[in-house]
Amino acid sequence: MFTRRGAISAAAALLLLGEAATAHAQAQSAAEQVAPRARGYSVPRTPWGDPDLNGIWPSIDMVRVPVQRAPQYGTRLFMTAEEHAAVEKREQEQIARMAAEGAGGATGAPGHWVEWGKSQLQTSLLVDPVDGRTPPLTPAGQARTAAAPKGTLFGAQLDSPEDFSMWERCISRGALGSTLPVLYNSGIDITQGPGVVAIRYEMVHDIRIIPLGGPGGHPHLSSWIRQYMGDARGHFEGDTLVVETTNFTEKIGVGLSGGGTPNSFAMRLTERFTRVSKDTIRYEATVTDPNTWTAPWTVAFPLTRMPDYGMFEYACHEGNHGLPNALSGSRAEERTRN
């Protein structure tokens, strides 16, 4: 029997679907602006017929673009020429300082490690919402953020390895945190085979093995099984590789190198890889996590193919003196206070 309550529920569901479709169309339009398809470009195919995404596609060229947009740019995806000239001047001064002093002070990388990339007009990696800012956190998201390990970057009390981020512990940066551009080791190596795609990340050397197929072809793991990089399943929509990832832990932040706000178990990460020219992939990633943010949000930016890029060894565990040194330093500080 179709009741009035059922009609209201159906209308609400349709409204939510409509809002989601509108948000996706808005994000897709913005993504196409930050990495448009080259005129007349036809995506090459693998021997088995899939769009060819093979190669090394570092995110180096986007290192200077912040994840979230500075308020002065409003809803603009791009700077004016005058704004860009002012930013370029400040960035060149910063590059000179890092070359002389190192990339991150006492705990950061030496200056010669920095892969600074090209100067960009894009005002933020985040393209939806239109203001380039993440939506407000839910109360649960705020509580999870407050309880997350602060590590060495925020002057927190360091009593055990669990007070450090998963990145500082050389464990993982998460799926999105491994793709967002950082100052060094930003290599992303895509290798395809029939029915499968592998993505290898230079920093921490995480590798995602992504089975391909249509809906129901490769069901996700049981919700009881949680993984740092999540459980990924992919399929092609025309020239675009779409990767849906679920089954995340709550232990890694959804930001640069796995920092920032930790997601909840409910998070779904939807990534789209579209080759738009010989040496460019348009990358889009939408984070949907109603237990953490009040609305989905999307980042989009180009990845540039660099055939000569070296995927260097990231021997983090073998040489990770940071944890014991930081812990012993905290104990030394306590002794001076006492």
Protein backbone atom coordinates (compact mmCIF):
# COMPACT_ATOMS: atom_id res chain seq x y z
CA MET A 1 0.00 0.00 0.00
CA PHE A 2 1.43 3.42 -0.99
CA THR A 3 0.95 5.77 1.96
CA ARG A 4 1.45 9.51 2.33
CA ARG A 5 4.55 8.78 4.45
CA GLY A 6 5.88 6.59 1.64
CA ALA A 7 5.30 9.38 -0.85
CA ILE A 8 7.22 11.84 1.34
CA SER A 9 10.10 9.36 1.76
CA ALA A 10 10.25 8.76 -1.98
CA ALA A 11 10.24 12.51 -2.65
CA ALA A 12 13.03 13.04 -0.13
CA ALA A 13 15.09 10.27 -1.74
CA LEU A 14 14.59 11.81 -5.18
CA LEU A 15 15.59 15.21 -3.81
CA LEU A 16 18.82 13.76 -2.36
CA LEU A 17 19.57 12.00 -5.65
CA GLY A 18 18.99 15.24 -7.50
CA GLU A 19 21.28 17.17 -5.17
CA ALA A 20 23.99 14.52 -5.55
CA ALA A 21 23.69 14.62 -9.35
CA THR A 22 23.89 18.42 -9.34
CA ALA A 23 26.95 18.38 -7.07
CA HIS A 24 28.67 15.81 -9.31
CA ALA A 25 27.93 17.84 -12.45
CA GLN A 26 29.28 20.98 -10.76
CA ALA A 27 32.47 19.24 -9.66
CA GLN A 28 32.92 17.64 -13.08
CA SER A 29 32.59 21.02 -14.80
CA ALA A 30 35.25 22.50 -12.51
CA ALA A 31 37.53 19.50 -13.06
CA GLU A 32 37.27 19.94 -16.82
CA GLN A 33 38.35 23.55 -16.41
CA VAL A 34 41.50 22.73 -14.40
CA ALA A 35 42.54 20.00 -16.87
CA PRO A 36 40.74 20.39 -20.21
CA ARG A 37 41.01 17.79 -22.96
CA ALA A 38 43.45 18.75 -25.71
CA ARG A 39 41.66 19.66 -28.93
CA GLY A 40 41.23 16.62 -31.16
CA TYR A 41 43.01 14.30 -28.70
CA SER A 42 42.16 10.60 -28.90
CA VAL A 43 43.14 8.42 -25.94
CA PRO A 44 45.42 5.52 -26.96
CA ARG A 45 44.36 1.98 -26.12
CA THR A 46 46.13 -0.95 -24.50
CA PRO A 47 46.43 -4.15 -26.59
CA TRP A 48 43.25 -5.42 -24.86
CA GLY A 49 41.29 -2.23 -25.58
CA ASP A 50 41.28 -0.20 -22.33
CA PRO A 51 42.29 3.49 -22.29
CA ASP A 52 46.08 3.54 -21.83
CA LEU A 53 47.07 5.16 -18.53
CA ASN A 54 50.41 3.38 -18.15
CA GLY A 55 53.32 5.52 -17.00
CA ILE A 56 54.72 7.63 -14.20
CA TRP A 57 52.52 10.64 -13.44
CA PRO A 58 53.99 12.61 -10.49
CA SER A 59 51.90 15.35 -8.86
CA ILE A 60 54.97 17.63 -8.65
CA ASP A 61 53.52 20.40 -10.81
CA MET A 62 50.70 20.98 -8.29
CA VAL A 63 52.85 21.24 -5.14
CA ARG A 64 52.40 25.02 -4.92
CA VAL A 65 48.58 24.81 -4.99
CA PRO A 66 46.95 24.55 -1.53
CA VAL A 67 44.27 21.96 -0.87
CA GLN A 68 41.83 24.61 0.36
CA ARG A 69 41.35 28.02 -1.24
CA ALA A 70 42.37 31.27 0.42
CA PRO A 71 39.22 33.33 1.16
CA GLN A 72 40.30 36.28 -1.02
CA TYR A 73 39.72 34.23 -4.18
CA GLY A 74 36.07 33.54 -3.37
CA THR A 75 34.61 31.09 -5.88
CA ARG A 76 37.31 31.65 -8.52
CA LEU A 77 39.21 28.57 -9.72
CA PHE A 78 42.04 30.69 -11.15
CA MET A 79 44.08 33.75 -10.16
CA THR A 80 44.37 36.89 -12.21
CA ALA A 81 47.73 37.67 -13.84
CA GLU A 82 48.43 40.30 -11.16
CA GLU A 83 47.61 37.91 -8.32
CA HIS A 84 49.77 35.21 -9.88
CA ALA A 85 52.75 37.57 -10.21
CA ALA A 86 52.53 38.43 -6.50
CA VAL A 87 52.26 34.76 -5.50
CA GLU A 88 55.17 33.84 -7.77
CA LYS A 89 57.36 36.46 -6.09
CA ARG A 90 56.58 35.07 -2.62
CA GLU A 91 57.12 31.49 -3.79
CA GLN A 92 60.52 32.26 -5.27
CA GLU A 93 61.56 33.78 -1.94
CA GLN A 94 60.30 30.64 -0.17
CA ILE A 95 62.20 28.39 -2.58
CA ALA A 96 65.40 30.30 -1.85
CA ARG A 97 64.84 29.98 1.92
CA MET A 98 64.20 26.23 1.69
CA ALA A 99 67.30 25.71 -0.44
CA ALA A 100 69.37 27.42 2.24
CA GLU A 101 67.63 26.25 5.42
CA GLY A 102 65.82 22.99 4.55
CA ALA A 103 62.21 22.22 3.71
CA GLY A 104 60.76 21.93 7.17
CA GLY A 105 62.97 23.30 9.90
CA ALA A 106 64.57 20.94 12.40
CA THR A 107 62.41 17.94 11.48
CA GLY A 108 61.94 18.51 7.74
CA ALA A 109 63.71 17.35 4.61
CA PRO A 110 66.86 19.08 3.32
CA GLY A 111 66.20 21.78 0.77
CA HIS A 112 67.66 19.88 -2.19
CA TRP A 113 64.95 17.20 -1.79
CA VAL A 114 62.19 19.64 -2.67
CA GLU A 115 60.37 19.04 -5.98
CA TRP A 116 58.74 22.40 -6.40
CA GLY A 117 57.16 22.02 -9.85
CA LYS A 118 55.65 24.72 -12.01
CA SER A 119 53.84 27.81 -10.82
CA GLN A 120 50.07 27.45 -11.26
CA LEU A 121 47.04 29.70 -11.66
CA GLN A 122 44.73 27.22 -9.89
CA THR A 123 43.64 28.69 -6.55
CA SER A 124 43.01 25.36 -4.75
CA LEU A 125 43.02 21.63 -5.35
CA LEU A 126 39.52 21.54 -3.88
CA VAL A 127 36.99 22.48 -6.59
CA ASP A 128 33.68 21.56 -4.98
CA PRO A 129 32.10 23.17 -2.92
CA VAL A 130 32.51 26.21 -5.14
CA ASP A 131 34.33 28.20 -2.43
CA GLY A 132 37.18 25.66 -2.50
CA ARG A 133 36.77 24.84 1.20
CA THR A 134 35.85 21.56 2.87
CA PRO A 135 32.30 21.50 4.25
CA PRO A 136 31.77 21.83 8.02
CA LEU A 137 32.56 18.83 10.17
CA THR A 138 29.83 16.89 11.89
CA PRO A 139 30.04 16.63 15.69
CA ALA A 140 31.48 13.11 15.26
CA GLY A 141 34.05 14.45 12.80
CA GLN A 142 35.08 17.17 15.24
CA ALA A 143 35.52 14.63 18.04
CA ARG A 144 37.56 12.30 15.82
CA THR A 145 39.81 15.18 14.73
CA ALA A 146 40.39 16.28 18.32
CA ALA A 147 41.39 12.74 19.31
CA ALA A 148 43.70 12.11 16.32
CA PRO A 149 47.48 11.85 16.93
CA LYS A 150 49.13 15.24 16.43
CA GLY A 151 52.68 13.96 15.83
CA THR A 152 55.72 16.22 15.68
CA LEU A 153 54.09 18.95 13.57
CA PHE A 154 51.93 20.49 16.29
CA GLY A 155 54.13 20.35 19.38
CA ALA A 156 52.01 17.65 21.00
CA GLN A 157 53.00 15.53 23.99
CA LEU A 158 54.88 12.50 22.64
CA ASP A 159 54.64 9.55 25.00
CA SER A 160 54.50 6.56 22.62
CA PRO A 161 54.61 5.70 18.89
CA GLU A 162 50.81 6.01 18.83
CA ASP A 163 51.16 9.77 19.36
CA PHE A 164 52.62 10.05 15.83
CA SER A 165 50.75 10.03 12.53
CA MET A 166 50.68 6.90 10.38
CA TRP A 167 52.97 8.70 7.92
CA GLU A 168 55.56 9.50 10.58
CA ARG A 169 55.41 5.85 11.62
CA CYS A 170 56.16 4.82 7.99
CA ILE A 171 52.90 2.83 7.83
CA SER A 172 50.72 4.55 5.22
CA ARG A 173 49.44 7.90 3.96
CA GLY A 174 46.08 6.52 2.81
CA ALA A 175 44.69 6.53 -0.73
CA LEU A 176 43.96 10.24 -1.16
CA GLY A 177 46.89 11.35 1.02
CA SER A 178 49.22 9.39 -1.27
CA THR A 179 47.95 11.24 -4.36
CA LEU A 180 47.79 14.82 -3.12
CA PRO A 181 51.04 16.68 -4.01
CA VAL A 182 53.68 17.17 -1.33
CA LEU A 183 57.21 18.59 -1.42
CA TYR A 184 59.08 15.44 -2.42
CA ASN A 185 58.64 11.76 -3.43
CA SER A 186 55.44 12.55 -5.33
CA GLY A 187 55.84 9.79 -7.92
CA ILE A 188 52.68 7.92 -9.02
CA ASP A 189 53.27 4.87 -11.21
CA ILE A 190 50.25 3.37 -13.02
CA THR A 191 50.58 -0.13 -14.50
CA GLN A 192 47.72 -1.87 -16.32
CA GLY A 193 46.94 -5.47 -17.14
CA PRO A 194 43.82 -7.16 -18.49
CA GLY A 195 41.18 -6.74 -15.79
CA VAL A 196 43.42 -4.99 -13.29
CA VAL A 197 45.20 -1.68 -12.55
CA ALA A 198 48.05 -1.21 -10.06
CA ILE A 199 49.01 2.18 -8.66
CA ARG A 200 52.39 2.46 -6.90
CA TYR A 201 53.26 5.53 -4.83
CA GLU A 202 56.85 6.63 -4.32
CA MET A 203 56.48 7.77 -0.71
CA VAL A 204 56.00 4.81 1.66
CA HIS A 205 55.73 2.58 -1.45
CA ASP A 206 52.07 1.72 -0.95
CA ILE A 207 50.61 -0.19 -3.90
CA ARG A 208 46.91 -0.42 -4.70
CA ILE A 209 45.78 -3.42 -6.73
CA ILE A 210 42.44 -2.50 -8.34
CA PRO A 211 40.33 -5.26 -9.95
CA LEU A 212 38.23 -4.06 -12.89
CA GLY A 213 34.68 -5.00 -13.79
CA GLY A 214 31.12 -3.77 -13.85
CA PRO A 215 28.71 -3.54 -10.90
CA GLY A 216 28.70 -6.82 -8.97
CA GLY A 217 31.67 -8.19 -10.87
CA HIS A 218 34.06 -7.86 -7.95
CA PRO A 219 32.15 -7.22 -4.72
CA HIS A 220 33.92 -5.30 -1.98
CA LEU A 221 35.37 -7.09 1.00
CA SER A 222 33.25 -7.69 4.06
CA SER A 223 32.67 -4.51 6.08
CA TRP A 224 34.48 -6.27 8.93
CA ILE A 225 37.76 -6.04 6.98
CA ARG A 226 39.37 -2.59 7.17
CA GLN A 227 42.53 -1.45 5.38
CA TYR A 228 44.73 1.65 5.48
CA MET A 229 44.35 2.15 1.70
CA GLY A 230 40.79 0.85 1.65
CA ASP A 231 39.35 -1.75 -0.70
CA ALA A 232 39.31 -0.49 -4.31
CA ARG A 233 37.21 -1.63 -7.27
CA GLY A 234 37.41 -0.05 -10.72
CA HIS A 235 35.67 0.16 -14.08
CA PHE A 236 35.92 2.27 -17.21
CA GLU A 237 33.30 4.83 -18.20
CA GLY A 238 34.33 5.75 -21.72
CA ASP A 239 37.89 7.11 -21.47
CA THR A 240 37.74 7.46 -17.68
CA LEU A 241 38.95 4.96 -15.09
CA VAL A 242 36.54 5.19 -12.14
CA VAL A 243 37.80 3.75 -8.83
CA GLU A 244 35.40 3.27 -5.89
CA THR A 245 37.18 2.63 -2.58
CA THR A 246 35.54 1.61 0.70
CA ASN A 247 36.51 -0.35 3.86
CA PHE A 248 38.84 2.33 5.22
CA THR A 249 40.14 2.36 8.77
CA GLU A 250 39.60 5.44 10.96
CA LYS A 251 43.32 5.84 11.62
CA ILE A 252 44.48 8.04 8.72
CA GLY A 253 43.58 11.62 7.92
CA VAL A 254 42.12 12.68 4.57
CA GLY A 255 44.72 15.33 3.77
CA LEU A 256 48.31 15.82 2.70
CA SER A 257 50.30 12.67 3.49
CA GLY A 258 47.36 11.30 5.46
CA GLY A 259 47.17 14.28 7.81
CA GLY A 260 44.14 16.32 8.78
CA THR A 261 40.71 15.01 9.70
CA PRO A 262 40.46 11.19 9.98
CA ASN A 263 37.59 9.68 8.01
CA SER A 264 34.96 7.37 9.50
CA PHE A 265 34.25 3.77 8.52
CA ALA A 266 31.49 5.14 6.25
CA MET A 267 33.82 6.97 3.86
CA ARG A 268 33.63 6.26 0.14
CA LEU A 269 36.35 7.65 -2.11
CA THR A 270 35.43 7.99 -5.80
CA GLU A 271 38.39 8.71 -8.08
CA ARG A 272 38.39 9.43 -11.80
CA PHE A 273 41.48 9.19 -14.00
CA THR A 274 41.01 10.66 -17.50
CA ARG A 275 43.84 11.03 -19.97
CA VAL A 276 43.26 14.40 -21.64
CA SER A 277 46.50 14.75 -23.61
CA LYS A 278 49.68 12.84 -24.40
CA ASP A 279 51.25 13.81 -21.07
CA THR A 280 48.30 14.78 -18.84
CA ILE A 281 45.78 12.86 -16.75
CA ARG A 282 42.88 14.73 -15.17
CA TYR A 283 42.54 13.44 -11.63
CA GLU A 284 39.32 13.90 -9.66
CA ALA A 285 38.54 12.54 -6.21
CA THR A 286 35.26 12.91 -4.31
CA VAL A 287 35.12 12.21 -0.58
CA THR A 288 31.72 11.15 0.69
CA ASP A 289 31.57 10.59 4.44
CA PRO A 290 28.34 11.71 6.15
CA ASN A 291 29.76 10.75 9.57
CA THR A 292 32.59 13.28 9.18
CA TRP A 293 31.59 16.09 6.79
CA THR A 294 28.15 17.60 6.26
CA ALA A 295 28.46 17.24 2.47
CA PRO A 296 30.73 15.53 -0.09
CA TRP A 297 33.74 17.42 -1.44
CA THR A 298 35.94 17.07 -4.53
CA VAL A 299 39.54 17.81 -5.47
CA ALA A 300 40.68 17.96 -9.10
CA PHE A 301 44.04 18.66 -10.73
CA PRO A 302 46.28 17.49 -13.59
CA LEU A 303 48.93 14.79 -13.24
CA THR A 304 51.85 15.22 -15.66
CA ARG A 305 53.62 12.25 -17.22
CA MET A 306 57.38 12.29 -16.70
CA PRO A 307 59.01 9.23 -18.33
CA ASP A 308 62.44 10.09 -16.89
CA TYR A 309 61.19 10.54 -13.33
CA GLY A 310 63.05 8.34 -10.83
CA MET A 311 60.92 6.41 -8.33
CA PHE A 312 63.44 6.51 -5.48
CA GLU A 313 63.63 4.01 -2.65
CA TYR A 314 61.73 5.23 0.40
CA ALA A 315 63.62 3.37 3.13
CA CYS A 316 61.53 4.82 5.91
CA HIS A 317 61.39 1.86 8.28
CA GLU A 318 65.09 1.06 7.88
CA GLY A 319 66.20 4.58 8.74
CA ASN A 320 63.34 5.91 10.83
CA HIS A 321 65.28 7.52 13.66
CA GLY A 322 62.59 10.20 13.97
CA LEU A 323 60.37 8.28 16.39
CA PRO A 324 62.99 7.27 18.98
CA ASN A 325 64.73 10.63 18.70
CA ALA A 326 61.49 12.59 19.16
CA LEU A 327 60.46 10.41 22.11
CA SER A 328 63.86 10.72 23.78
CA GLY A 329 63.78 14.47 23.12
CA SER A 330 60.40 14.70 24.87
CA ARG A 331 61.80 12.83 27.86
CA ALA A 332 64.80 15.20 27.94
CA GLU A 333 62.45 18.21 27.92
CA GLU A 334 60.49 16.69 30.81
CA ARG A 335 63.67 16.32 32.84
CA THR A 336 64.57 19.98 32.32
CA ARG A 337 61.08 21.04 33.42
CA ASN A 338 61.29 18.87 36.52
